[in-house]
Amino acid sequence: MYVNTQISNQELQQLTREALAAEVSVTELVKQTALLRMHADCCKAVANEHRLAILYLLSERELSVGDLARELDLSVHNVSQHLRVLKERGIVVDHRDGQTVYYASASPKLVAACHLIREALIEQHVARGTVLLGGPGPGAKTDDDHVSDDVEAPQA
């Protein structure tokens, strides 16, 4: 998980409390490298469409690996690998009931953060006149018209 020999758990908890306090300035926040590293690791973990889908499903109810595999039309092995990444980052939790392991979202705040990012993306597409679902409307630009310079277009 997050093993850092340079900072104790108590110091990390204090940094977290300070980061959440309203009086912490942005300048002080960016100096908190351990917390920023954890934040970046969390973002990396959800930077995959399958893991995001798993997180959204687990925000509604507890599910087993098999349940998730059926819902997402993925192999059990693939879902297990995604769950491992999410669990290592503390994004999902599990519990055993007999031989079945059930997973759930660890924090509604993490799911809410993902919802906010999704809402911002939708707002950007609406502002540009693009359509995300169901194909482009009449005269609308497609997502391909807006590939930024720092993102490679997928190869055919």
C-alpha atoms as a PDB file:
ATOM      1  CA  MET A   1       0.000   0.000   0.000  1.00  0.00           C
ATOM      2  CA  TYR A   2       1.493   3.399   0.946  1.00  0.00           C
ATOM      3  CA  VAL A   3       4.778   2.687   2.649  1.00  0.00           C
ATOM      4  CA  ASN A   4       6.903   5.752   3.177  1.00  0.00           C
ATOM      5  CA  THR A   5       9.880   5.470   5.494  1.00  0.00           C
ATOM      6  CA  GLN A   6      10.318   9.248   5.642  1.00  0.00           C
ATOM      7  CA  ILE A   7       7.007  10.045   7.321  1.00  0.00           C
ATOM      8  CA  SER A   8       5.145   8.381  10.177  1.00  0.00           C
ATOM      9  CA  ASN A   9       1.454   7.517  10.098  1.00  0.00           C
ATOM     10  CA  GLN A  10       0.873  10.120  12.803  1.00  0.00           C
ATOM     11  CA  GLU A  11       2.594  12.798  10.693  1.00  0.00           C
ATOM     12  CA  LEU A  12       0.585  11.731   7.642  1.00  0.00           C
ATOM     13  CA  GLN A  13      -2.669  11.930   9.602  1.00  0.00           C
ATOM     14  CA  GLN A  14      -1.708  15.431  10.776  1.00  0.00           C
ATOM     15  CA  LEU A  15      -0.912  16.482   7.196  1.00  0.00           C
ATOM     16  CA  THR A  16      -4.262  15.114   6.075  1.00  0.00           C
ATOM     17  CA  ARG A  17      -6.108  17.049   8.799  1.00  0.00           C
ATOM     18  CA  GLU A  18      -4.240  20.219   7.823  1.00  0.00           C
ATOM     19  CA  ALA A  19      -4.991  19.703   4.133  1.00  0.00           C
ATOM     20  CA  LEU A  20      -8.679  19.388   4.915  1.00  0.00           C
ATOM     21  CA  ALA A  21      -8.700  22.489   7.102  1.00  0.00           C
ATOM     22  CA  ALA A  22      -9.933  25.636   5.354  1.00  0.00           C
ATOM     23  CA  GLU A  23      -7.001  27.722   6.536  1.00  0.00           C
ATOM     24  CA  VAL A  24      -4.372  25.653   4.674  1.00  0.00           C
ATOM     25  CA  SER A  25      -3.076  27.654   1.753  1.00  0.00           C
ATOM     26  CA  VAL A  26      -2.438  26.171  -1.669  1.00  0.00           C
ATOM     27  CA  THR A  27       1.254  26.934  -1.153  1.00  0.00           C
ATOM     28  CA  GLU A  28       1.321  24.798   1.989  1.00  0.00           C
ATOM     29  CA  LEU A  29      -0.720  22.057   0.354  1.00  0.00           C
ATOM     30  CA  VAL A  30       1.723  21.642  -2.537  1.00  0.00           C
ATOM     31  CA  LYS A  31       4.537  21.184  -0.014  1.00  0.00           C
ATOM     32  CA  GLN A  32       2.813  18.094   1.357  1.00  0.00           C
ATOM     33  CA  THR A  33       4.470  15.687  -1.044  1.00  0.00           C
ATOM     34  CA  ALA A  34       3.355  12.491   0.714  1.00  0.00           C
ATOM     35  CA  LEU A  35      -0.288  13.507   0.470  1.00  0.00           C
ATOM     36  CA  LEU A  36       0.129  14.668  -3.126  1.00  0.00           C
ATOM     37  CA  ARG A  37       1.770  11.333  -3.996  1.00  0.00           C
ATOM     38  CA  MET A  38      -1.182   9.467  -2.479  1.00  0.00           C
ATOM     39  CA  HIS A  39      -3.574  11.711  -4.420  1.00  0.00           C
ATOM     40  CA  ALA A  40      -1.714  11.009  -7.655  1.00  0.00           C
ATOM     41  CA  ASP A  41      -1.739   7.257  -6.964  1.00  0.00           C
ATOM     42  CA  CYS A  42      -5.489   7.396  -6.382  1.00  0.00           C
ATOM     43  CA  CYS A  43      -6.000   9.252  -9.668  1.00  0.00           C
ATOM     44  CA  LYS A  44      -3.812   6.724 -11.510  1.00  0.00           C
ATOM     45  CA  ALA A  45      -5.886   3.883 -10.094  1.00  0.00           C
ATOM     46  CA  VAL A  46      -9.129   5.311 -11.472  1.00  0.00           C
ATOM     47  CA  ALA A  47      -7.548   6.352 -14.771  1.00  0.00           C
ATOM     48  CA  ASN A  48      -9.021   3.292 -16.466  1.00  0.00           C
ATOM     49  CA  GLU A  49     -12.551   2.981 -17.834  1.00  0.00           C
ATOM     50  CA  HIS A  50     -13.035  -0.514 -16.369  1.00  0.00           C
ATOM     51  CA  ARG A  51     -11.906   0.540 -12.902  1.00  0.00           C
ATOM     52  CA  LEU A  52     -14.171   3.589 -13.061  1.00  0.00           C
ATOM     53  CA  ALA A  53     -17.097   1.366 -14.033  1.00  0.00           C
ATOM     54  CA  ILE A  54     -16.268  -0.968 -11.137  1.00  0.00           C
ATOM     55  CA  LEU A  55     -16.139   1.966  -8.732  1.00  0.00           C
ATOM     56  CA  TYR A  56     -19.492   3.304  -9.913  1.00  0.00           C
ATOM     57  CA  LEU A  57     -21.120  -0.123  -9.559  1.00  0.00           C
ATOM     58  CA  LEU A  58     -19.638  -0.622  -6.100  1.00  0.00           C
ATOM     59  CA  SER A  59     -20.897   2.772  -5.007  1.00  0.00           C
ATOM     60  CA  GLU A  60     -24.449   1.428  -5.380  1.00  0.00           C
ATOM     61  CA  ARG A  61     -24.041  -1.963  -3.688  1.00  0.00           C
ATOM     62  CA  GLU A  62     -21.597  -4.660  -2.662  1.00  0.00           C
ATOM     63  CA  LEU A  63     -20.713  -7.087  -5.434  1.00  0.00           C
ATOM     64  CA  SER A  64     -18.540 -10.164  -5.855  1.00  0.00           C
ATOM     65  CA  VAL A  65     -15.924 -10.562  -8.563  1.00  0.00           C
ATOM     66  CA  GLY A  66     -18.329 -12.790 -10.503  1.00  0.00           C
ATOM     67  CA  ASP A  67     -21.145 -10.250 -10.205  1.00  0.00           C
ATOM     68  CA  LEU A  68     -18.864  -7.496 -11.505  1.00  0.00           C
ATOM     69  CA  ALA A  69     -17.587  -9.680 -14.348  1.00  0.00           C
ATOM     70  CA  ARG A  70     -21.170 -10.359 -15.493  1.00  0.00           C
ATOM     71  CA  GLU A  71     -22.218  -6.693 -15.177  1.00  0.00           C
ATOM     72  CA  LEU A  72     -19.212  -5.461 -17.162  1.00  0.00           C
ATOM     73  CA  ASP A  73     -18.880  -8.402 -19.585  1.00  0.00           C
ATOM     74  CA  LEU A  74     -15.258  -8.925 -18.522  1.00  0.00           C
ATOM     75  CA  SER A  75     -13.417 -12.048 -17.421  1.00  0.00           C
ATOM     76  CA  VAL A  76     -13.252 -12.831 -13.707  1.00  0.00           C
ATOM     77  CA  HIS A  77      -9.449 -12.689 -13.951  1.00  0.00           C
ATOM     78  CA  ASN A  78      -9.550  -9.217 -15.510  1.00  0.00           C
ATOM     79  CA  VAL A  79     -11.973  -7.896 -12.872  1.00  0.00           C
ATOM     80  CA  SER A  80      -9.815  -9.410 -10.110  1.00  0.00           C
ATOM     81  CA  GLN A  81      -6.768  -7.557 -11.414  1.00  0.00           C
ATOM     82  CA  HIS A  82      -8.671  -4.255 -11.514  1.00  0.00           C
ATOM     83  CA  LEU A  83      -9.992  -4.845  -7.995  1.00  0.00           C
ATOM     84  CA  ARG A  84      -6.460  -5.531  -6.773  1.00  0.00           C
ATOM     85  CA  VAL A  85      -5.326  -2.112  -8.014  1.00  0.00           C
ATOM     86  CA  LEU A  86      -8.323  -0.380  -6.442  1.00  0.00           C
ATOM     87  CA  LYS A  87      -7.907  -2.229  -3.143  1.00  0.00           C
ATOM     88  CA  GLU A  88      -4.164  -1.488  -2.942  1.00  0.00           C
ATOM     89  CA  ARG A  89      -4.962   2.226  -3.224  1.00  0.00           C
ATOM     90  CA  GLY A  90      -7.696   2.033  -0.578  1.00  0.00           C
ATOM     91  CA  ILE A  91     -10.442   2.865  -3.077  1.00  0.00           C
ATOM     92  CA  VAL A  92     -12.433  -0.310  -2.470  1.00  0.00           C
ATOM     93  CA  VAL A  93     -12.790  -2.554   0.576  1.00  0.00           C
ATOM     94  CA  ASP A  94     -13.760  -6.191   0.789  1.00  0.00           C
ATOM     95  CA  HIS A  95     -15.260  -8.684   3.194  1.00  0.00           C
ATOM     96  CA  ARG A  96     -15.710 -12.424   3.045  1.00  0.00           C
ATOM     97  CA  ASP A  97     -19.047 -14.200   3.419  1.00  0.00           C
ATOM     98  CA  GLY A  98     -18.276 -17.916   3.376  1.00  0.00           C
ATOM     99  CA  GLN A  99     -16.252 -18.527   0.233  1.00  0.00           C
ATOM    100  CA  THR A 100     -17.422 -15.370  -1.537  1.00  0.00           C
ATOM    101  CA  VAL A 101     -15.573 -12.054  -1.268  1.00  0.00           C
ATOM    102  CA  TYR A 102     -17.713  -8.947  -1.658  1.00  0.00           C
ATOM    103  CA  TYR A 103     -16.363  -5.545  -2.609  1.00  0.00           C
ATOM    104  CA  ALA A 104     -17.673  -2.048  -1.906  1.00  0.00           C
ATOM    105  CA  SER A 105     -16.537   1.522  -2.399  1.00  0.00           C
ATOM    106  CA  ALA A 106     -14.310   2.644   0.484  1.00  0.00           C
ATOM    107  CA  SER A 107     -15.530   6.233   0.454  1.00  0.00           C
ATOM    108  CA  PRO A 108     -18.475   8.023  -1.119  1.00  0.00           C
ATOM    109  CA  LYS A 109     -16.217  11.077  -1.422  1.00  0.00           C
ATOM    110  CA  LEU A 110     -13.968   9.290  -3.934  1.00  0.00           C
ATOM    111  CA  VAL A 111     -17.012   8.393  -6.020  1.00  0.00           C
ATOM    112  CA  ALA A 112     -18.286  11.973  -5.719  1.00  0.00           C
ATOM    113  CA  ALA A 113     -14.929  13.250  -6.982  1.00  0.00           C
ATOM    114  CA  CYS A 114     -15.211  10.992 -10.032  1.00  0.00           C
ATOM    115  CA  HIS A 115     -18.773  12.233 -10.605  1.00  0.00           C
ATOM    116  CA  LEU A 116     -17.527  15.842 -10.512  1.00  0.00           C
ATOM    117  CA  ILE A 117     -14.858  15.105 -13.109  1.00  0.00           C
ATOM    118  CA  ARG A 118     -17.451  13.384 -15.318  1.00  0.00           C
ATOM    119  CA  GLU A 119     -19.824  16.361 -14.967  1.00  0.00           C
ATOM    120  CA  ALA A 120     -17.034  18.778 -15.900  1.00  0.00           C
ATOM    121  CA  LEU A 121     -16.221  16.684 -18.993  1.00  0.00           C
ATOM    122  CA  ILE A 122     -19.867  16.641 -20.045  1.00  0.00           C
ATOM    123  CA  GLU A 123     -20.105  20.423 -19.579  1.00  0.00           C
ATOM    124  CA  GLN A 124     -16.985  20.889 -21.723  1.00  0.00           C
ATOM    125  CA  HIS A 125     -18.436  18.745 -24.498  1.00  0.00           C
ATOM    126  CA  VAL A 126     -21.770  20.571 -24.372  1.00  0.00           C
ATOM    127  CA  ALA A 127     -19.954  23.905 -24.569  1.00  0.00           C
ATOM    128  CA  ARG A 128     -18.016  22.684 -27.626  1.00  0.00           C
ATOM    129  CA  GLY A 129     -21.140  21.307 -29.253  1.00  0.00           C
ATOM    130  CA  THR A 130     -19.996  17.700 -29.137  1.00  0.00           C
ATOM    131  CA  VAL A 131     -22.169  14.766 -28.164  1.00  0.00           C
ATOM    132  CA  LEU A 132     -20.744  12.022 -25.970  1.00  0.00           C
ATOM    133  CA  LEU A 133     -23.482   9.406 -26.261  1.00  0.00           C
ATOM    134  CA  GLY A 134     -25.425   8.285 -29.293  1.00  0.00           C
ATOM    135  CA  GLY A 135     -23.153   9.870 -31.882  1.00  0.00           C
ATOM    136  CA  PRO A 136     -22.871  13.485 -33.006  1.00  0.00           C
ATOM    137  CA  GLY A 137     -25.963  15.527 -33.612  1.00  0.00           C
ATOM    138  CA  PRO A 138     -26.520  17.441 -36.844  1.00  0.00           C
ATOM    139  CA  GLY A 139     -23.624  19.806 -37.452  1.00  0.00           C
ATOM    140  CA  ALA A 140     -21.921  18.915 -34.176  1.00  0.00           C
ATOM    141  CA  LYS A 141     -18.182  18.457 -34.002  1.00  0.00           C
ATOM    142  CA  THR A 142     -16.903  15.041 -33.020  1.00  0.00           C
ATOM    143  CA  ASP A 143     -14.430  14.315 -30.242  1.00  0.00           C
ATOM    144  CA  ASP A 144     -11.784  13.674 -32.901  1.00  0.00           C
ATOM    145  CA  ASP A 145     -11.958  17.355 -33.844  1.00  0.00           C
ATOM    146  CA  HIS A 146     -10.645  18.231 -30.381  1.00  0.00           C
ATOM    147  CA  VAL A 147      -7.627  15.964 -29.867  1.00  0.00           C
ATOM    148  CA  SER A 148      -5.135  18.031 -27.904  1.00  0.00           C
ATOM    149  CA  ASP A 149      -1.474  18.174 -28.829  1.00  0.00           C
ATOM    150  CA  ASP A 150      -0.424  16.261 -25.710  1.00  0.00           C
ATOM    151  CA  VAL A 151      -2.707  13.262 -26.339  1.00  0.00           C
ATOM    152  CA  GLU A 152      -1.970  10.798 -29.094  1.00  0.00           C
ATOM    153  CA  ALA A 153      -4.893   9.760 -31.264  1.00  0.00           C
ATOM    154  CA  PRO A 154      -5.576   6.019 -31.103  1.00  0.00           C
ATOM    155  CA  GLN A 155      -4.018   3.995 -33.892  1.00  0.00           C
ATOM    156  CA  ALA A 156      -6.400   2.080 -36.151  1.00  0.00           C
END
